[in-house]
């Protein structure tokens, strides 16, 4: 299973989150593995609205369906809540 989303988050902020997870294992500069789910981070061009710039990161979750669904849900909860 593969889920690919373009998030308005910096790659650095996502990496910081992943590196803080005990179960996450960094397998390359932009790839992490959590159980049967691999997360790939690809920085994208910033989006602009007037004078405001927003970082963008293409996040790809791939691997075993159950593992991808579980971590994707965890990721969404982390970054879609206030203070995320």
Protein backbone atom coordinates (compact mmCIF):
# COMPACT_ATOMS: atom_id res chain seq x y z
CA UNK A 1 0.00 0.00 0.00
CA UNK A 2 1.21 3.50 -0.78
CA UNK A 3 -0.14 6.84 0.43
CA UNK A 4 1.45 10.03 -0.92
CA UNK A 5 0.58 13.50 0.39
CA UNK A 6 1.97 17.01 0.02
CA UNK A 7 2.15 18.59 3.48
CA UNK A 8 2.65 22.25 4.43
CA UNK A 9 5.45 21.26 6.81
CA UNK A 10 9.19 21.59 6.55
CA UNK A 11 11.19 18.42 6.03
CA UNK A 12 13.22 19.34 9.13
CA UNK A 13 10.10 19.45 11.31
CA UNK A 14 8.94 16.03 10.10
CA UNK A 15 12.43 14.56 10.58
CA UNK A 16 12.53 15.95 14.12
CA UNK A 17 9.23 14.21 14.85
CA UNK A 18 10.35 10.90 13.34
CA UNK A 19 13.71 10.96 15.12
CA UNK A 20 11.87 11.42 18.41
CA UNK A 21 9.96 8.17 17.96
CA UNK A 22 11.59 5.18 19.66
CA UNK A 23 10.31 2.76 17.03
CA UNK A 24 11.52 4.80 14.02
CA UNK A 25 14.71 3.73 12.27
CA UNK A 26 16.44 6.08 9.83
CA UNK A 27 17.50 4.11 6.75
CA UNK A 28 18.83 7.03 4.67
CA UNK A 29 18.89 10.83 4.77
CA UNK A 30 15.21 11.09 3.85
CA UNK A 31 13.82 7.62 4.60
CA UNK A 32 12.57 6.14 7.84
CA UNK A 33 11.04 2.82 8.77
CA UNK A 34 8.50 2.13 11.46
CA UNK A 35 7.52 -1.50 11.58
CA UNK A 36 6.27 -2.45 8.12
CA UNK A 37 5.88 1.19 7.01
CA UNK A 38 8.55 3.16 5.17
CA UNK A 39 8.32 6.96 5.13
CA UNK A 40 10.04 8.95 2.39
CA UNK A 41 10.40 12.75 2.65
CA UNK A 42 10.91 14.89 -0.44
CA UNK A 43 11.22 18.68 0.00
CA UNK A 44 9.11 20.63 -2.48
CA UNK A 45 9.11 24.23 -3.62
CA UNK A 46 7.58 26.60 -1.05
CA UNK A 47 4.06 27.78 -1.75
CA UNK A 48 3.39 31.51 -1.49
CA UNK A 49 0.30 33.42 -0.50
CA UNK A 50 1.03 37.12 -0.77
CA UNK A 51 4.11 37.81 1.31
CA UNK A 52 3.80 34.52 3.24
CA UNK A 53 5.83 31.45 2.30
CA UNK A 54 4.87 27.95 3.38
CA UNK A 55 7.27 25.01 3.34
CA UNK A 56 6.10 21.90 1.47
CA UNK A 57 7.15 18.28 1.84
CA UNK A 58 5.93 15.34 -0.20
CA UNK A 59 5.50 12.48 2.28
CA UNK A 60 5.17 8.93 0.97
CA UNK A 61 4.06 6.12 3.27
CA UNK A 62 4.55 2.66 1.77
CA UNK A 63 4.62 -0.95 2.89
CA UNK A 64 2.28 -3.38 4.58
CA UNK A 65 -1.31 -2.11 4.44
CA UNK A 66 -1.96 -2.38 8.19
CA UNK A 67 1.35 -0.74 9.12
CA UNK A 68 0.86 2.10 6.62
CA UNK A 69 -2.72 2.74 7.80
CA UNK A 70 -1.65 2.72 11.46
CA UNK A 71 1.30 5.10 11.08
CA UNK A 72 -0.49 7.37 8.59
CA UNK A 73 -3.29 7.81 11.15
CA UNK A 74 -0.71 8.57 13.87
CA UNK A 75 1.03 11.10 11.59
CA UNK A 76 -2.27 12.80 10.72
CA UNK A 77 -3.25 13.12 14.37
CA UNK A 78 0.15 14.59 15.22
CA UNK A 79 0.17 17.24 12.51
CA UNK A 80 -3.53 18.07 12.10
CA UNK A 81 -4.09 18.96 15.77
CA UNK A 82 -3.38 22.36 17.28
CA UNK A 83 0.23 22.65 18.34
CA UNK A 84 1.25 19.88 15.89
